[in-house]
Amino acid sequence: MELMMLSGDSSSSSFQRQLSIVNSKPLLEWQFDWLSANKVDHLVLLASKTANELLKLALKLGKERGIHVDLSLEDKPRGTAGAILLAEHYISDKSFAAMNGDIVTNLMLSKMSLGNSVAAIALVPLRATYGVVKLRGNQIIGFQEKPMLKEYWINGGVYLFSNEIFDMLPKRGDLESTTFVELSWKGLLKGIKFGSVYWRSIESLKDIETLSRELKRIKLLHAR
């Protein structure tokens, strides 16, 4: 399987987060473990030309795991849609996967399919930002720390695309504000719910600390 990893342009700190150490190894190495578990044999890393340390690490990890790594490097920000379009020539299959470089998950790509759609987005439940209070009338009967709000779904940052997507991508712009909007209007954008997988977006040092604790007690590579 072919997969593009969106590691951010020169205006983003995403690639720096991928170098953060989580339980004795870089975040990128955890992501490569996930790639191997999902039988990805060709990775196209979309990144800034300035991300030298990340690029070297990706090539090293690819060689160790038997994953062919191509580098699609931007000299100026193009947005997620523009970055994917720039890397079109690396894709040879009729469909390919993609992922944001700032997430860790154990969802399985084999659970995703396109059907008649041009693109599919993995959806995960929204996690509350704050703890919630349970009430009976006006009496507090309990507390729940940052629960999953399963009636609301968010973009999980993992995608499956038909190669038709390349005809719908702008040279500059983000997927969410350009191509995904157009596809949704045309009924060509599929959402696939993953209600019981592990998923975390890494936005801050606190997220890294939380991830470190969570990875000690979950089976990262075995999702349902």
C-alpha atoms as a PDB file:
ATOM      1  CA  MET A   1       0.000   0.000   0.000  1.00  0.00           C
ATOM      2  CA  GLU A   2       1.106   3.544  -0.767  1.00  0.00           C
ATOM      3  CA  LEU A   3       0.680   6.297   1.826  1.00  0.00           C
ATOM      4  CA  MET A   4       1.469  10.010   1.961  1.00  0.00           C
ATOM      5  CA  MET A   5       2.420  11.468   5.340  1.00  0.00           C
ATOM      6  CA  LEU A   6       1.710  15.191   5.766  1.00  0.00           C
ATOM      7  CA  SER A   7       4.553  16.395   7.966  1.00  0.00           C
ATOM      8  CA  GLY A   8       3.985  20.127   7.544  1.00  0.00           C
ATOM      9  CA  ASP A   9       5.658  22.931   5.645  1.00  0.00           C
ATOM     10  CA  SER A  10       8.134  25.557   6.815  1.00  0.00           C
ATOM     11  CA  SER A  11       5.334  27.484   8.553  1.00  0.00           C
ATOM     12  CA  SER A  12       4.330  24.451  10.647  1.00  0.00           C
ATOM     13  CA  SER A  13       5.861  22.830  13.724  1.00  0.00           C
ATOM     14  CA  SER A  14       4.342  19.439  12.885  1.00  0.00           C
ATOM     15  CA  PHE A  15       7.636  17.913  11.766  1.00  0.00           C
ATOM     16  CA  GLN A  16       9.282  19.054  15.004  1.00  0.00           C
ATOM     17  CA  ARG A  17       6.620  17.220  17.036  1.00  0.00           C
ATOM     18  CA  GLN A  18       7.403  14.049  15.086  1.00  0.00           C
ATOM     19  CA  LEU A  19      10.924  14.185  16.512  1.00  0.00           C
ATOM     20  CA  SER A  20       9.642  14.396  20.106  1.00  0.00           C
ATOM     21  CA  ILE A  21      10.732  11.462  22.257  1.00  0.00           C
ATOM     22  CA  VAL A  22       7.859   9.313  23.510  1.00  0.00           C
ATOM     23  CA  ASN A  23       8.841   6.453  25.828  1.00  0.00           C
ATOM     24  CA  SER A  24      12.437   6.355  24.597  1.00  0.00           C
ATOM     25  CA  LYS A  25      11.808   6.682  20.851  1.00  0.00           C
ATOM     26  CA  PRO A  26      10.762   9.458  18.449  1.00  0.00           C
ATOM     27  CA  LEU A  27       7.080   9.927  17.642  1.00  0.00           C
ATOM     28  CA  LEU A  28       7.933   9.210  13.994  1.00  0.00           C
ATOM     29  CA  GLU A  29       9.153   5.754  14.976  1.00  0.00           C
ATOM     30  CA  TRP A  30       5.792   4.982  16.615  1.00  0.00           C
ATOM     31  CA  GLN A  31       4.180   6.078  13.361  1.00  0.00           C
ATOM     32  CA  PHE A  32       6.450   3.768  11.367  1.00  0.00           C
ATOM     33  CA  ASP A  33       5.373   0.898  13.643  1.00  0.00           C
ATOM     34  CA  TRP A  34       1.796   1.723  12.598  1.00  0.00           C
ATOM     35  CA  LEU A  35       2.775   1.833   8.919  1.00  0.00           C
ATOM     36  CA  SER A  36       4.331  -1.624   9.199  1.00  0.00           C
ATOM     37  CA  ALA A  37       1.253  -3.009  10.986  1.00  0.00           C
ATOM     38  CA  ASN A  38      -0.886  -1.663   8.126  1.00  0.00           C
ATOM     39  CA  LYS A  39       1.357  -3.224   5.464  1.00  0.00           C
ATOM     40  CA  VAL A  40       2.402   0.115   3.982  1.00  0.00           C
ATOM     41  CA  ASP A  41       5.391  -0.605   1.749  1.00  0.00           C
ATOM     42  CA  HIS A  42       5.734   2.809   0.075  1.00  0.00           C
ATOM     43  CA  LEU A  43       5.753   6.051   2.063  1.00  0.00           C
ATOM     44  CA  VAL A  44       5.826   9.483   0.472  1.00  0.00           C
ATOM     45  CA  LEU A  45       6.858  12.000   3.127  1.00  0.00           C
ATOM     46  CA  LEU A  46       5.538  15.501   2.420  1.00  0.00           C
ATOM     47  CA  ALA A  47       7.685  18.017   4.265  1.00  0.00           C
ATOM     48  CA  SER A  48       9.666  21.219   4.130  1.00  0.00           C
ATOM     49  CA  LYS A  49      13.173  21.221   2.703  1.00  0.00           C
ATOM     50  CA  THR A  50      14.294  22.578   6.076  1.00  0.00           C
ATOM     51  CA  ALA A  51      13.211  19.435   8.001  1.00  0.00           C
ATOM     52  CA  ASN A  52      16.624  17.805   7.624  1.00  0.00           C
ATOM     53  CA  GLU A  53      16.625  15.747  10.829  1.00  0.00           C
ATOM     54  CA  LEU A  54      13.149  14.375  10.153  1.00  0.00           C
ATOM     55  CA  LEU A  55      14.051  13.441   6.575  1.00  0.00           C
ATOM     56  CA  LYS A  56      17.161  11.550   7.679  1.00  0.00           C
ATOM     57  CA  LEU A  57      15.219   9.684  10.367  1.00  0.00           C
ATOM     58  CA  ALA A  58      12.443   8.718   7.934  1.00  0.00           C
ATOM     59  CA  LEU A  59      14.946   7.272   5.454  1.00  0.00           C
ATOM     60  CA  LYS A  60      16.674   5.330   8.256  1.00  0.00           C
ATOM     61  CA  LEU A  61      13.414   3.900   9.636  1.00  0.00           C
ATOM     62  CA  GLY A  62      12.225   2.999   6.156  1.00  0.00           C
ATOM     63  CA  LYS A  63      15.400   1.074   5.442  1.00  0.00           C
ATOM     64  CA  GLU A  64      15.131  -0.800   8.750  1.00  0.00           C
ATOM     65  CA  ARG A  65      11.484  -1.786   8.137  1.00  0.00           C
ATOM     66  CA  GLY A  66      11.585  -2.474   4.420  1.00  0.00           C
ATOM     67  CA  ILE A  67       9.414   0.540   3.582  1.00  0.00           C
ATOM     68  CA  HIS A  68      10.439   2.467   0.479  1.00  0.00           C
ATOM     69  CA  VAL A  69      10.533   6.175   1.371  1.00  0.00           C
ATOM     70  CA  ASP A  70      10.257   8.999  -1.154  1.00  0.00           C
ATOM     71  CA  LEU A  71      10.639  12.629  -0.115  1.00  0.00           C
ATOM     72  CA  SER A  72       8.398  15.325  -1.587  1.00  0.00           C
ATOM     73  CA  LEU A  73       9.889  18.589  -0.371  1.00  0.00           C
ATOM     74  CA  GLU A  74       8.359  22.062  -0.434  1.00  0.00           C
ATOM     75  CA  ASP A  75      10.382  25.238  -0.736  1.00  0.00           C
ATOM     76  CA  LYS A  76       7.356  27.316   0.293  1.00  0.00           C
ATOM     77  CA  PRO A  77       4.016  26.542   2.000  1.00  0.00           C
ATOM     78  CA  ARG A  78       1.368  25.041  -0.285  1.00  0.00           C
ATOM     79  CA  GLY A  79      -1.202  23.750   2.216  1.00  0.00           C
ATOM     80  CA  THR A  80      -2.223  20.107   2.580  1.00  0.00           C
ATOM     81  CA  ALA A  81      -4.005  19.908  -0.778  1.00  0.00           C
ATOM     82  CA  GLY A  82      -1.136  21.598  -2.623  1.00  0.00           C
ATOM     83  CA  ALA A  83       1.409  19.320  -0.953  1.00  0.00           C
ATOM     84  CA  ILE A  84      -0.451  16.195  -2.078  1.00  0.00           C
ATOM     85  CA  LEU A  85      -0.732  17.520  -5.630  1.00  0.00           C
ATOM     86  CA  LEU A  86       3.008  18.227  -5.698  1.00  0.00           C
ATOM     87  CA  ALA A  87       3.692  14.559  -4.870  1.00  0.00           C
ATOM     88  CA  GLU A  88       1.345  13.098  -7.510  1.00  0.00           C
ATOM     89  CA  HIS A  89       4.158  11.607  -9.573  1.00  0.00           C
ATOM     90  CA  TYR A  90       5.178   9.299  -6.714  1.00  0.00           C
ATOM     91  CA  ILE A  91       1.835   7.445  -6.731  1.00  0.00           C
ATOM     92  CA  SER A  92       1.385   4.474  -9.059  1.00  0.00           C
ATOM     93  CA  ASP A  93      -1.693   2.725  -7.591  1.00  0.00           C
ATOM     94  CA  LYS A  94      -5.338   3.525  -8.345  1.00  0.00           C
ATOM     95  CA  SER A  95      -5.839   4.454  -4.685  1.00  0.00           C
ATOM     96  CA  PHE A  96      -3.600   5.509  -1.834  1.00  0.00           C
ATOM     97  CA  ALA A  97      -3.812   6.446   1.833  1.00  0.00           C
ATOM     98  CA  ALA A  98      -2.649   9.590   3.607  1.00  0.00           C
ATOM     99  CA  MET A  99      -2.228  10.692   7.206  1.00  0.00           C
ATOM    100  CA  ASN A 100      -1.473  13.829   9.153  1.00  0.00           C
ATOM    101  CA  GLY A 101       1.978  13.786  10.710  1.00  0.00           C
ATOM    102  CA  ASP A 102       0.809  14.891  14.143  1.00  0.00           C
ATOM    103  CA  ILE A 103      -1.405  11.938  15.098  1.00  0.00           C
ATOM    104  CA  VAL A 104      -0.935   8.548  16.753  1.00  0.00           C
ATOM    105  CA  THR A 105      -3.597   5.894  16.289  1.00  0.00           C
ATOM    106  CA  ASN A 106      -4.166   2.160  16.020  1.00  0.00           C
ATOM    107  CA  LEU A 107      -7.013   2.248  13.494  1.00  0.00           C
ATOM    108  CA  MET A 108      -6.510  -0.188  10.642  1.00  0.00           C
ATOM    109  CA  LEU A 109      -6.446   0.990   7.044  1.00  0.00           C
ATOM    110  CA  SER A 110      -7.992  -2.311   5.953  1.00  0.00           C
ATOM    111  CA  LYS A 111     -11.261  -1.094   7.524  1.00  0.00           C
ATOM    112  CA  MET A 112     -11.394   1.814   5.065  1.00  0.00           C
ATOM    113  CA  SER A 113     -12.901   1.656   1.582  1.00  0.00           C
ATOM    114  CA  LEU A 114     -13.956   4.136  -1.081  1.00  0.00           C
ATOM    115  CA  GLY A 115     -17.025   2.573  -2.671  1.00  0.00           C
ATOM    116  CA  ASN A 116     -18.176   5.142  -5.226  1.00  0.00           C
ATOM    117  CA  SER A 117     -16.433   8.024  -3.450  1.00  0.00           C
ATOM    118  CA  VAL A 118     -13.238   9.802  -4.443  1.00  0.00           C
ATOM    119  CA  ALA A 119     -12.093  10.242  -0.843  1.00  0.00           C
ATOM    120  CA  ALA A 120     -12.796   8.731   2.569  1.00  0.00           C
ATOM    121  CA  ILE A 121     -12.008  10.257   5.959  1.00  0.00           C
ATOM    122  CA  ALA A 122     -11.491   8.246   9.138  1.00  0.00           C
ATOM    123  CA  LEU A 123     -13.786   9.744  11.796  1.00  0.00           C
ATOM    124  CA  VAL A 124     -13.149   9.458  15.539  1.00  0.00           C
ATOM    125  CA  PRO A 125     -15.309  10.564  18.483  1.00  0.00           C
ATOM    126  CA  LEU A 126     -14.797  14.049  19.859  1.00  0.00           C
ATOM    127  CA  ARG A 127     -13.140  14.103  23.278  1.00  0.00           C
ATOM    128  CA  ALA A 128     -14.431  16.782  25.657  1.00  0.00           C
ATOM    129  CA  THR A 129     -11.896  19.482  26.478  1.00  0.00           C
ATOM    130  CA  TYR A 130     -13.008  19.550  30.111  1.00  0.00           C
ATOM    131  CA  GLY A 131     -14.312  17.085  32.650  1.00  0.00           C
ATOM    132  CA  VAL A 132     -18.103  16.922  32.941  1.00  0.00           C
ATOM    133  CA  VAL A 133     -20.444  16.902  35.935  1.00  0.00           C
ATOM    134  CA  LYS A 134     -23.239  14.329  36.243  1.00  0.00           C
ATOM    135  CA  LEU A 135     -26.497  15.652  37.709  1.00  0.00           C
ATOM    136  CA  ARG A 136     -29.765  14.281  39.045  1.00  0.00           C
ATOM    137  CA  GLY A 137     -31.958  17.339  39.203  1.00  0.00           C
ATOM    138  CA  ASN A 138     -29.711  19.899  40.862  1.00  0.00           C
ATOM    139  CA  GLN A 139     -27.727  17.319  42.814  1.00  0.00           C
ATOM    140  CA  ILE A 140     -24.207  16.448  41.671  1.00  0.00           C
ATOM    141  CA  ILE A 141     -23.876  12.668  41.619  1.00  0.00           C
ATOM    142  CA  GLY A 142     -20.514  12.257  39.933  1.00  0.00           C
ATOM    143  CA  PHE A 143     -17.745  13.481  37.704  1.00  0.00           C
ATOM    144  CA  GLN A 144     -16.262  12.186  34.455  1.00  0.00           C
ATOM    145  CA  GLU A 145     -12.869  13.317  33.213  1.00  0.00           C
ATOM    146  CA  LYS A 146     -12.878  14.468  29.564  1.00  0.00           C
ATOM    147  CA  PRO A 147     -15.310  11.846  28.185  1.00  0.00           C
ATOM    148  CA  MET A 148     -15.616  10.789  24.555  1.00  0.00           C
ATOM    149  CA  LEU A 149     -18.659  12.483  23.023  1.00  0.00           C
ATOM    150  CA  LYS A 150     -19.711   9.711  20.658  1.00  0.00           C
ATOM    151  CA  GLU A 151     -22.601  11.655  19.174  1.00  0.00           C
ATOM    152  CA  TYR A 152     -20.018  14.013  17.625  1.00  0.00           C
ATOM    153  CA  TRP A 153     -17.360  12.938  15.123  1.00  0.00           C
ATOM    154  CA  ILE A 154     -14.171  14.689  14.026  1.00  0.00           C
ATOM    155  CA  ASN A 155     -11.671  14.292  11.207  1.00  0.00           C
ATOM    156  CA  GLY A 156      -9.175  11.673  12.411  1.00  0.00           C
ATOM    157  CA  GLY A 157      -6.441  12.756  10.004  1.00  0.00           C
ATOM    158  CA  VAL A 158      -6.295   9.434   8.124  1.00  0.00           C
ATOM    159  CA  TYR A 159      -7.560   9.347   4.538  1.00  0.00           C
ATOM    160  CA  LEU A 160      -8.097   7.063   1.578  1.00  0.00           C
ATOM    161  CA  PHE A 161      -8.060   8.596  -1.905  1.00  0.00           C
ATOM    162  CA  SER A 162      -8.788   7.491  -5.431  1.00  0.00           C
ATOM    163  CA  ASN A 163      -6.138   8.811  -7.808  1.00  0.00           C
ATOM    164  CA  GLU A 164      -8.971  10.887  -9.311  1.00  0.00           C
ATOM    165  CA  ILE A 165      -8.333  13.252  -6.396  1.00  0.00           C
ATOM    166  CA  PHE A 166      -5.379  14.787  -8.233  1.00  0.00           C
ATOM    167  CA  ASP A 167      -7.740  16.416 -10.750  1.00  0.00           C
ATOM    168  CA  MET A 168      -9.549  18.154  -7.883  1.00  0.00           C
ATOM    169  CA  LEU A 169      -6.642  19.547  -5.893  1.00  0.00           C
ATOM    170  CA  PRO A 170      -5.586  23.212  -6.005  1.00  0.00           C
ATOM    171  CA  LYS A 171      -1.917  24.121  -6.318  1.00  0.00           C
ATOM    172  CA  ARG A 172      -2.250  25.872  -2.964  1.00  0.00           C
ATOM    173  CA  GLY A 173      -4.787  25.406  -0.198  1.00  0.00           C
ATOM    174  CA  ASP A 174      -5.886  22.992   2.512  1.00  0.00           C
ATOM    175  CA  LEU A 175      -8.009  19.907   1.936  1.00  0.00           C
ATOM    176  CA  GLU A 176     -10.634  20.888   4.516  1.00  0.00           C
ATOM    177  CA  SER A 177     -11.382  24.277   2.962  1.00  0.00           C
ATOM    178  CA  THR A 178     -11.104  23.349  -0.717  1.00  0.00           C
ATOM    179  CA  THR A 179     -11.314  19.812  -2.077  1.00  0.00           C
ATOM    180  CA  PHE A 180     -13.262  18.220   0.781  1.00  0.00           C
ATOM    181  CA  VAL A 181     -15.925  20.928   0.509  1.00  0.00           C
ATOM    182  CA  GLU A 182     -16.287  20.328  -3.233  1.00  0.00           C
ATOM    183  CA  LEU A 183     -16.436  16.551  -2.786  1.00  0.00           C
ATOM    184  CA  SER A 184     -19.081  16.825  -0.067  1.00  0.00           C
ATOM    185  CA  TRP A 185     -21.268  18.927  -2.366  1.00  0.00           C
ATOM    186  CA  LYS A 186     -20.963  16.261  -5.077  1.00  0.00           C
ATOM    187  CA  GLY A 187     -21.638  13.347  -2.716  1.00  0.00           C
ATOM    188  CA  LEU A 188     -18.154  11.939  -3.296  1.00  0.00           C
ATOM    189  CA  LEU A 189     -16.759  12.187   0.253  1.00  0.00           C
ATOM    190  CA  LYS A 190     -17.189   9.205   2.557  1.00  0.00           C
ATOM    191  CA  GLY A 191     -16.886   9.207   6.358  1.00  0.00           C
ATOM    192  CA  ILE A 192     -15.846   5.990   8.117  1.00  0.00           C
ATOM    193  CA  LYS A 193     -16.469   5.857  11.871  1.00  0.00           C
ATOM    194  CA  PHE A 194     -13.879   4.359  14.228  1.00  0.00           C
ATOM    195  CA  GLY A 195     -15.590   4.410  17.602  1.00  0.00           C
ATOM    196  CA  SER A 196     -13.309   2.148  19.645  1.00  0.00           C
ATOM    197  CA  VAL A 197      -9.769   2.828  18.452  1.00  0.00           C
ATOM    198  CA  TYR A 198      -6.930   4.687  20.107  1.00  0.00           C
ATOM    199  CA  TRP A 199      -6.362   8.140  18.637  1.00  0.00           C
ATOM    200  CA  ARG A 200      -4.520  11.226  19.791  1.00  0.00           C
ATOM    201  CA  SER A 201      -3.506  14.438  18.075  1.00  0.00           C
ATOM    202  CA  ILE A 202      -0.218  15.927  19.242  1.00  0.00           C
ATOM    203  CA  GLU A 203      -0.465  19.686  19.607  1.00  0.00           C
ATOM    204  CA  SER A 204       1.564  20.447  22.753  1.00  0.00           C
ATOM    205  CA  LEU A 205       4.031  19.149  25.332  1.00  0.00           C
ATOM    206  CA  LYS A 206       1.081  18.115  27.485  1.00  0.00           C
ATOM    207  CA  ASP A 207      -0.165  15.899  24.652  1.00  0.00           C
ATOM    208  CA  ILE A 208       3.258  14.244  24.474  1.00  0.00           C
ATOM    209  CA  GLU A 209       3.157  13.562  28.236  1.00  0.00           C
ATOM    210  CA  THR A 210      -0.371  12.136  27.977  1.00  0.00           C
ATOM    211  CA  LEU A 211       0.612   9.975  25.007  1.00  0.00           C
ATOM    212  CA  SER A 212       3.599   8.608  26.933  1.00  0.00           C
ATOM    213  CA  ARG A 213       1.330   7.477  29.771  1.00  0.00           C
ATOM    214  CA  GLU A 214      -1.304   6.014  27.472  1.00  0.00           C
ATOM    215  CA  LEU A 215       1.108   4.021  25.331  1.00  0.00           C
ATOM    216  CA  LYS A 216       2.228   2.118  28.420  1.00  0.00           C
ATOM    217  CA  ARG A 217      -1.236   0.610  28.904  1.00  0.00           C
ATOM    218  CA  ILE A 218      -2.683   0.093  25.413  1.00  0.00           C
ATOM    219  CA  LYS A 219      -1.952  -2.216  22.515  1.00  0.00           C
ATOM    220  CA  LEU A 220      -1.210   0.455  19.954  1.00  0.00           C
ATOM    221  CA  LEU A 221      -1.068  -1.793  16.925  1.00  0.00           C
ATOM    222  CA  HIS A 222      -4.101  -3.982  17.581  1.00  0.00           C
ATOM    223  CA  ALA A 223      -7.375  -2.152  16.974  1.00  0.00           C
ATOM    224  CA  ARG A 224     -10.846  -3.477  16.334  1.00  0.00           C
END
